[in-house]
Amino acid sequence: MQTVLIIEDEKDLAELVSFHLEQEGFRSIIASDGSTGLSEAKRLHPDLVLLDLMLPGMMGTEICRILKGTEQTAGIPVIMLTAKGEEIDRVVGFEMGADDYVVKPFSTRELMLRVRAVLRRKGDLSPASTVITLGELVIDTQRHLVTVAGAEVVLTSTEYKLLMNLAERVGRVQSREILLQNVWGYNYFGDTRTVDTHLTRLRTKLGPAGELIRTVRGFGYKLELS
């Protein structure tokens, strides 16, 4: 049974989400403040975290940054739940490593669809005995290990899936819409700037190898050796 950690200080909402998760066959655990939520995430290593942005004790963005920046927890998908719906808030959430973003008020049906979509993306990273070498960039798909010039690069599940989509199609341009479909796995409730935000962060993490990812103006991206 997959475990979902709900970090949410609104008791009624947390309990409602917990009820629907359990109806869908998940195990749910609730943490009502940021510090407790972070401790529980580190202790439990849940399959997914539903994370409120505005929390007592510690902001959701800070929790997300810590989880995604720590090797042991970087692979845990995070969906942010927040009443703040402005584009800048979505961008900040994605820059901290969030895998998805749901604005309150939301329907529980939509949330369950997003939970399953994010977990499906995580499950799509199935082992395959293949090593992809692109200059100094090496992707060991069996171990889900990415290195640049021999140094390991810690990626979120979404960043890894984006990189794989490009690496498996070297030299071929992938539109933002196709990347949304292939990586997010459903009709995203947002816009294609989500792809831009994630790819900017991916390039930064890859350092010099990030230059292999080229922007095709007005269309999308491709990974290409010089």
C-alpha atoms as a PDB file:
ATOM      1  CA  MET A   1       0.000   0.000   0.000  1.00  0.00           C
ATOM      2  CA  GLN A   2       1.381   3.398  -0.997  1.00  0.00           C
ATOM      3  CA  THR A   3       1.710   6.053   1.694  1.00  0.00           C
ATOM      4  CA  VAL A   4       0.817   9.721   1.232  1.00  0.00           C
ATOM      5  CA  LEU A   5       1.969  12.272   3.811  1.00  0.00           C
ATOM      6  CA  ILE A   6      -0.391  15.264   4.107  1.00  0.00           C
ATOM      7  CA  ILE A   7       1.302  18.366   5.550  1.00  0.00           C
ATOM      8  CA  GLU A   8      -1.640  20.709   6.070  1.00  0.00           C
ATOM      9  CA  ASP A   9      -2.667  22.885   9.028  1.00  0.00           C
ATOM     10  CA  GLU A  10      -6.358  23.143   8.057  1.00  0.00           C
ATOM     11  CA  LYS A  11      -7.707  20.185  10.043  1.00  0.00           C
ATOM     12  CA  ASP A  12     -10.975  19.781   8.134  1.00  0.00           C
ATOM     13  CA  LEU A  13      -9.249  19.875   4.766  1.00  0.00           C
ATOM     14  CA  ALA A  14      -6.514  17.470   5.863  1.00  0.00           C
ATOM     15  CA  GLU A  15      -9.087  14.995   7.144  1.00  0.00           C
ATOM     16  CA  LEU A  16     -11.174  15.302   3.960  1.00  0.00           C
ATOM     17  CA  VAL A  17      -8.150  14.642   1.761  1.00  0.00           C
ATOM     18  CA  SER A  18      -7.103  11.761   4.037  1.00  0.00           C
ATOM     19  CA  PHE A  19     -10.578  10.196   3.750  1.00  0.00           C
ATOM     20  CA  HIS A  20     -10.539  10.316  -0.052  1.00  0.00           C
ATOM     21  CA  LEU A  21      -6.996   8.962  -0.248  1.00  0.00           C
ATOM     22  CA  GLU A  22      -7.953   5.998   1.896  1.00  0.00           C
ATOM     23  CA  GLN A  23     -11.061   5.458  -0.238  1.00  0.00           C
ATOM     24  CA  GLU A  24      -8.681   5.244  -3.198  1.00  0.00           C
ATOM     25  CA  GLY A  25      -6.573   2.604  -1.472  1.00  0.00           C
ATOM     26  CA  PHE A  26      -3.758   4.751  -0.074  1.00  0.00           C
ATOM     27  CA  ARG A  27      -2.427   4.931   3.464  1.00  0.00           C
ATOM     28  CA  SER A  28      -2.513   8.550   4.645  1.00  0.00           C
ATOM     29  CA  ILE A  29      -0.675  10.323   7.452  1.00  0.00           C
ATOM     30  CA  ILE A  30      -1.368  13.914   8.557  1.00  0.00           C
ATOM     31  CA  ALA A  31       1.122  16.443   9.924  1.00  0.00           C
ATOM     32  CA  SER A  32      -0.350  19.785  10.992  1.00  0.00           C
ATOM     33  CA  ASP A  33       2.767  21.978  10.978  1.00  0.00           C
ATOM     34  CA  GLY A  34       5.898  22.390   8.914  1.00  0.00           C
ATOM     35  CA  SER A  35       8.505  21.078  11.352  1.00  0.00           C
ATOM     36  CA  THR A  36       6.517  17.936  12.137  1.00  0.00           C
ATOM     37  CA  GLY A  37       5.823  17.378   8.450  1.00  0.00           C
ATOM     38  CA  LEU A  38       9.507  17.600   7.545  1.00  0.00           C
ATOM     39  CA  SER A  39      10.447  15.181  10.339  1.00  0.00           C
ATOM     40  CA  GLU A  40       7.746  12.732   9.264  1.00  0.00           C
ATOM     41  CA  ALA A  41       8.845  12.898   5.628  1.00  0.00           C
ATOM     42  CA  LYS A  42      12.429  12.087   6.610  1.00  0.00           C
ATOM     43  CA  ARG A  43      11.335   9.312   8.978  1.00  0.00           C
ATOM     44  CA  LEU A  44       8.668   7.641   6.832  1.00  0.00           C
ATOM     45  CA  HIS A  45       9.961   8.177   3.282  1.00  0.00           C
ATOM     46  CA  PRO A  46       6.369   8.270   1.957  1.00  0.00           C
ATOM     47  CA  ASP A  47       5.533   7.573  -1.666  1.00  0.00           C
ATOM     48  CA  LEU A  48       4.210  11.124  -2.056  1.00  0.00           C
ATOM     49  CA  VAL A  49       3.867  14.349  -0.036  1.00  0.00           C
ATOM     50  CA  LEU A  50       0.872  16.705  -0.267  1.00  0.00           C
ATOM     51  CA  LEU A  51       2.346  19.963   1.003  1.00  0.00           C
ATOM     52  CA  ASP A  52       0.554  23.177   1.948  1.00  0.00           C
ATOM     53  CA  LEU A  53       2.455  26.364   1.137  1.00  0.00           C
ATOM     54  CA  MET A  54       1.407  28.412   4.172  1.00  0.00           C
ATOM     55  CA  LEU A  55       2.246  26.445   7.328  1.00  0.00           C
ATOM     56  CA  PRO A  56       3.004  27.304  10.949  1.00  0.00           C
ATOM     57  CA  GLY A  57       6.609  26.780  11.933  1.00  0.00           C
ATOM     58  CA  MET A  58       8.064  26.430   8.436  1.00  0.00           C
ATOM     59  CA  MET A  59       6.935  27.440   4.952  1.00  0.00           C
ATOM     60  CA  GLY A  60       6.042  24.710   2.506  1.00  0.00           C
ATOM     61  CA  THR A  61       8.566  26.007  -0.008  1.00  0.00           C
ATOM     62  CA  GLU A  62      11.349  25.572   2.552  1.00  0.00           C
ATOM     63  CA  ILE A  63      10.223  22.026   3.331  1.00  0.00           C
ATOM     64  CA  CYS A  64      10.180  21.240  -0.390  1.00  0.00           C
ATOM     65  CA  ARG A  65      13.641  22.747  -0.867  1.00  0.00           C
ATOM     66  CA  ILE A  66      15.077  20.635   1.963  1.00  0.00           C
ATOM     67  CA  LEU A  67      13.421  17.414   0.767  1.00  0.00           C
ATOM     68  CA  LYS A  68      14.505  17.886  -2.846  1.00  0.00           C
ATOM     69  CA  GLY A  69      18.011  18.949  -1.829  1.00  0.00           C
ATOM     70  CA  THR A  70      18.645  15.886   0.336  1.00  0.00           C
ATOM     71  CA  GLU A  71      19.757  12.738  -1.459  1.00  0.00           C
ATOM     72  CA  GLN A  72      17.685  10.393   0.724  1.00  0.00           C
ATOM     73  CA  THR A  73      14.435  12.264   0.085  1.00  0.00           C
ATOM     74  CA  ALA A  74      14.995  13.895  -3.322  1.00  0.00           C
ATOM     75  CA  GLY A  75      13.020  11.175  -5.105  1.00  0.00           C
ATOM     76  CA  ILE A  76       9.834  11.692  -3.064  1.00  0.00           C
ATOM     77  CA  PRO A  77       7.258  13.442  -5.297  1.00  0.00           C
ATOM     78  CA  VAL A  78       5.729  16.621  -3.850  1.00  0.00           C
ATOM     79  CA  ILE A  79       2.374  18.161  -4.783  1.00  0.00           C
ATOM     80  CA  MET A  80       1.876  21.633  -3.347  1.00  0.00           C
ATOM     81  CA  LEU A  81      -1.560  22.604  -2.034  1.00  0.00           C
ATOM     82  CA  THR A  82      -2.095  26.319  -1.665  1.00  0.00           C
ATOM     83  CA  ALA A  83      -4.617  29.111  -1.800  1.00  0.00           C
ATOM     84  CA  LYS A  84      -2.087  31.248  -3.645  1.00  0.00           C
ATOM     85  CA  GLY A  85      -2.676  30.951  -7.354  1.00  0.00           C
ATOM     86  CA  GLU A  86      -0.582  33.695  -8.911  1.00  0.00           C
ATOM     87  CA  GLU A  87       1.989  32.641 -11.485  1.00  0.00           C
ATOM     88  CA  ILE A  88       4.902  33.800  -9.313  1.00  0.00           C
ATOM     89  CA  ASP A  89       3.775  31.418  -6.547  1.00  0.00           C
ATOM     90  CA  ARG A  90       3.641  28.500  -8.975  1.00  0.00           C
ATOM     91  CA  VAL A  91       7.090  29.357 -10.289  1.00  0.00           C
ATOM     92  CA  VAL A  92       8.552  29.550  -6.773  1.00  0.00           C
ATOM     93  CA  GLY A  93       6.996  26.173  -5.954  1.00  0.00           C
ATOM     94  CA  PHE A  94       8.462  24.549  -9.049  1.00  0.00           C
ATOM     95  CA  GLU A  95      11.840  26.181  -8.481  1.00  0.00           C
ATOM     96  CA  MET A  96      11.920  24.543  -5.043  1.00  0.00           C
ATOM     97  CA  GLY A  97      11.390  21.187  -6.763  1.00  0.00           C
ATOM     98  CA  ALA A  98       7.620  20.613  -6.511  1.00  0.00           C
ATOM     99  CA  ASP A  99       6.332  18.006  -8.976  1.00  0.00           C
ATOM    100  CA  ASP A 100       2.867  19.526  -9.241  1.00  0.00           C
ATOM    101  CA  TYR A 101       0.796  22.409  -7.873  1.00  0.00           C
ATOM    102  CA  VAL A 102      -2.900  22.482  -6.925  1.00  0.00           C
ATOM    103  CA  VAL A 103      -4.671  25.735  -6.052  1.00  0.00           C
ATOM    104  CA  LYS A 104      -7.369  25.808  -3.353  1.00  0.00           C
ATOM    105  CA  PRO A 105     -10.258  25.369  -3.577  1.00  0.00           C
ATOM    106  CA  PHE A 106      -9.866  22.166  -5.559  1.00  0.00           C
ATOM    107  CA  SER A 107     -12.097  19.172  -6.182  1.00  0.00           C
ATOM    108  CA  THR A 108     -11.031  15.962  -4.457  1.00  0.00           C
ATOM    109  CA  ARG A 109     -11.522  14.157  -7.773  1.00  0.00           C
ATOM    110  CA  GLU A 110      -8.982  16.437  -9.449  1.00  0.00           C
ATOM    111  CA  LEU A 111      -6.569  15.955  -6.573  1.00  0.00           C
ATOM    112  CA  MET A 112      -6.864  12.151  -6.727  1.00  0.00           C
ATOM    113  CA  LEU A 113      -6.188  12.273 -10.474  1.00  0.00           C
ATOM    114  CA  ARG A 114      -3.083  14.350  -9.869  1.00  0.00           C
ATOM    115  CA  VAL A 115      -1.882  12.058  -7.083  1.00  0.00           C
ATOM    116  CA  ARG A 116      -2.195   9.024  -9.344  1.00  0.00           C
ATOM    117  CA  ALA A 117      -0.554  10.845 -12.261  1.00  0.00           C
ATOM    118  CA  VAL A 118       2.477  11.872 -10.183  1.00  0.00           C
ATOM    119  CA  LEU A 119       2.840   8.374  -8.710  1.00  0.00           C
ATOM    120  CA  ARG A 120       2.482   6.903 -12.183  1.00  0.00           C
ATOM    121  CA  ARG A 121       5.338   9.120 -13.382  1.00  0.00           C
ATOM    122  CA  LYS A 122       7.456   7.894 -10.492  1.00  0.00           C
ATOM    123  CA  GLY A 123       6.593   4.300 -11.350  1.00  0.00           C
ATOM    124  CA  ASP A 124       7.425   4.876 -15.007  1.00  0.00           C
ATOM    125  CA  LEU A 125      11.089   5.119 -14.040  1.00  0.00           C
ATOM    126  CA  SER A 126      11.443   1.354 -14.265  1.00  0.00           C
ATOM    127  CA  PRO A 127      14.901  -0.259 -14.322  1.00  0.00           C
ATOM    128  CA  ALA A 128      16.481  -0.976 -17.669  1.00  0.00           C
ATOM    129  CA  SER A 129      20.045  -2.137 -18.122  1.00  0.00           C
ATOM    130  CA  THR A 130      21.097   0.823 -20.258  1.00  0.00           C
ATOM    131  CA  VAL A 131      23.758   3.464 -19.868  1.00  0.00           C
ATOM    132  CA  ILE A 132      23.360   6.586 -22.010  1.00  0.00           C
ATOM    133  CA  THR A 133      26.570   8.550 -22.556  1.00  0.00           C
ATOM    134  CA  LEU A 134      26.440  12.046 -24.019  1.00  0.00           C
ATOM    135  CA  GLY A 135      29.848  13.636 -23.652  1.00  0.00           C
ATOM    136  CA  GLU A 136      30.451  14.153 -19.933  1.00  0.00           C
ATOM    137  CA  LEU A 137      26.793  13.441 -19.185  1.00  0.00           C
ATOM    138  CA  VAL A 138      26.154   9.790 -18.247  1.00  0.00           C
ATOM    139  CA  ILE A 139      22.727   8.345 -17.370  1.00  0.00           C
ATOM    140  CA  ASP A 140      22.661   4.903 -15.765  1.00  0.00           C
ATOM    141  CA  THR A 141      18.987   4.021 -16.200  1.00  0.00           C
ATOM    142  CA  GLN A 142      19.209   0.840 -14.135  1.00  0.00           C
ATOM    143  CA  ARG A 143      20.407   2.749 -11.085  1.00  0.00           C
ATOM    144  CA  HIS A 144      18.620   6.025 -11.965  1.00  0.00           C
ATOM    145  CA  LEU A 145      22.033   7.633 -11.583  1.00  0.00           C
ATOM    146  CA  VAL A 146      23.051  10.797 -13.457  1.00  0.00           C
ATOM    147  CA  THR A 147      26.648  11.984 -13.456  1.00  0.00           C
ATOM    148  CA  VAL A 148      28.488  14.860 -15.104  1.00  0.00           C
ATOM    149  CA  ALA A 149      32.262  14.471 -15.410  1.00  0.00           C
ATOM    150  CA  GLY A 150      32.024  11.658 -12.858  1.00  0.00           C
ATOM    151  CA  ALA A 151      30.153  13.697 -10.220  1.00  0.00           C
ATOM    152  CA  GLU A 152      26.644  12.588  -9.259  1.00  0.00           C
ATOM    153  CA  VAL A 153      23.784  14.987  -9.981  1.00  0.00           C
ATOM    154  CA  VAL A 154      20.729  14.580  -7.710  1.00  0.00           C
ATOM    155  CA  LEU A 155      17.516  15.053  -9.717  1.00  0.00           C
ATOM    156  CA  THR A 156      13.850  14.928  -8.796  1.00  0.00           C
ATOM    157  CA  SER A 157      11.706  12.280 -10.504  1.00  0.00           C
ATOM    158  CA  THR A 158      10.275  14.935 -12.845  1.00  0.00           C
ATOM    159  CA  GLU A 159      13.705  16.287 -13.773  1.00  0.00           C
ATOM    160  CA  TYR A 160      14.942  12.757 -14.440  1.00  0.00           C
ATOM    161  CA  LYS A 161      11.944  11.985 -16.646  1.00  0.00           C
ATOM    162  CA  LEU A 162      12.469  15.221 -18.585  1.00  0.00           C
ATOM    163  CA  LEU A 163      16.126  14.402 -19.107  1.00  0.00           C
ATOM    164  CA  MET A 164      15.296  10.863 -20.252  1.00  0.00           C
ATOM    165  CA  ASN A 165      12.697  12.128 -22.728  1.00  0.00           C
ATOM    166  CA  LEU A 166      15.321  14.350 -24.319  1.00  0.00           C
ATOM    167  CA  ALA A 167      18.226  11.871 -24.052  1.00  0.00           C
ATOM    168  CA  GLU A 168      16.268   9.075 -25.725  1.00  0.00           C
ATOM    169  CA  ARG A 169      15.549  11.389 -28.664  1.00  0.00           C
ATOM    170  CA  VAL A 170      18.901  13.085 -29.189  1.00  0.00           C
ATOM    171  CA  GLY A 171      18.753  15.680 -31.953  1.00  0.00           C
ATOM    172  CA  ARG A 172      14.942  15.589 -32.170  1.00  0.00           C
ATOM    173  CA  VAL A 173      12.958  18.629 -31.085  1.00  0.00           C
ATOM    174  CA  GLN A 174      10.322  17.981 -28.414  1.00  0.00           C
ATOM    175  CA  SER A 175       7.514  20.503 -28.152  1.00  0.00           C
ATOM    176  CA  ARG A 176       6.486  21.791 -24.735  1.00  0.00           C
ATOM    177  CA  GLU A 177       3.072  20.158 -25.208  1.00  0.00           C
ATOM    178  CA  ILE A 178       4.640  16.767 -25.954  1.00  0.00           C
ATOM    179  CA  LEU A 179       6.930  17.076 -22.943  1.00  0.00           C
ATOM    180  CA  LEU A 180       3.923  17.900 -20.745  1.00  0.00           C
ATOM    181  CA  GLN A 181       2.120  14.832 -22.054  1.00  0.00           C
ATOM    182  CA  ASN A 182       5.098  12.465 -21.771  1.00  0.00           C
ATOM    183  CA  VAL A 183       6.435  13.669 -18.429  1.00  0.00           C
ATOM    184  CA  TRP A 184       3.362  14.789 -16.516  1.00  0.00           C
ATOM    185  CA  GLY A 185       1.257  11.999 -17.992  1.00  0.00           C
ATOM    186  CA  TYR A 186      -2.067  13.806 -18.206  1.00  0.00           C
ATOM    187  CA  ASN A 187      -3.629  17.031 -19.477  1.00  0.00           C
ATOM    188  CA  TYR A 188      -1.865  19.499 -17.221  1.00  0.00           C
ATOM    189  CA  PHE A 189      -4.064  22.112 -15.540  1.00  0.00           C
ATOM    190  CA  GLY A 190      -1.705  24.944 -16.281  1.00  0.00           C
ATOM    191  CA  ASP A 191       0.466  26.115 -19.117  1.00  0.00           C
ATOM    192  CA  THR A 192       3.631  25.142 -20.913  1.00  0.00           C
ATOM    193  CA  ARG A 193       5.749  27.494 -18.804  1.00  0.00           C
ATOM    194  CA  THR A 194       5.828  24.630 -16.326  1.00  0.00           C
ATOM    195  CA  VAL A 195       8.224  22.897 -18.741  1.00  0.00           C
ATOM    196  CA  ASP A 196      10.413  25.994 -18.985  1.00  0.00           C
ATOM    197  CA  THR A 197      10.682  26.256 -15.198  1.00  0.00           C
ATOM    198  CA  HIS A 198      11.688  22.610 -14.756  1.00  0.00           C
ATOM    199  CA  LEU A 199      14.167  22.687 -17.622  1.00  0.00           C
ATOM    200  CA  THR A 200      15.823  25.832 -16.284  1.00  0.00           C
ATOM    201  CA  ARG A 201      16.390  24.051 -12.983  1.00  0.00           C
ATOM    202  CA  LEU A 202      17.577  20.887 -14.774  1.00  0.00           C
ATOM    203  CA  ARG A 203      20.129  22.845 -16.803  1.00  0.00           C
ATOM    204  CA  THR A 204      21.432  24.499 -13.642  1.00  0.00           C
ATOM    205  CA  LYS A 205      21.868  21.148 -11.898  1.00  0.00           C
ATOM    206  CA  LEU A 206      23.685  19.661 -14.904  1.00  0.00           C
ATOM    207  CA  GLY A 207      26.213  22.509 -14.903  1.00  0.00           C
ATOM    208  CA  PRO A 208      28.315  22.555 -18.103  1.00  0.00           C
ATOM    209  CA  ALA A 209      26.330  19.575 -19.464  1.00  0.00           C
ATOM    210  CA  GLY A 210      23.199  21.714 -19.271  1.00  0.00           C
ATOM    211  CA  GLU A 211      24.376  23.377 -22.483  1.00  0.00           C
ATOM    212  CA  LEU A 212      23.488  20.148 -24.296  1.00  0.00           C
ATOM    213  CA  ILE A 213      19.811  21.069 -23.856  1.00  0.00           C
ATOM    214  CA  ARG A 214      19.009  23.568 -26.583  1.00  0.00           C
ATOM    215  CA  THR A 215      15.969  25.835 -26.753  1.00  0.00           C
ATOM    216  CA  VAL A 216      14.189  25.841 -30.107  1.00  0.00           C
ATOM    217  CA  ARG A 217      12.521  29.237 -30.022  1.00  0.00           C
ATOM    218  CA  GLY A 218       8.749  29.167 -30.298  1.00  0.00           C
ATOM    219  CA  PHE A 219       8.552  25.374 -30.189  1.00  0.00           C
ATOM    220  CA  GLY A 220      10.388  23.448 -27.503  1.00  0.00           C
ATOM    221  CA  TYR A 221      13.671  21.769 -26.650  1.00  0.00           C
ATOM    222  CA  LYS A 222      16.154  19.206 -27.869  1.00  0.00           C
ATOM    223  CA  LEU A 223      19.264  17.552 -26.473  1.00  0.00           C
ATOM    224  CA  GLU A 224      22.126  17.764 -28.907  1.00  0.00           C
ATOM    225  CA  LEU A 225      25.851  17.097 -28.774  1.00  0.00           C
ATOM    226  CA  SER A 226      28.054  19.921 -30.019  1.00  0.00           C
END
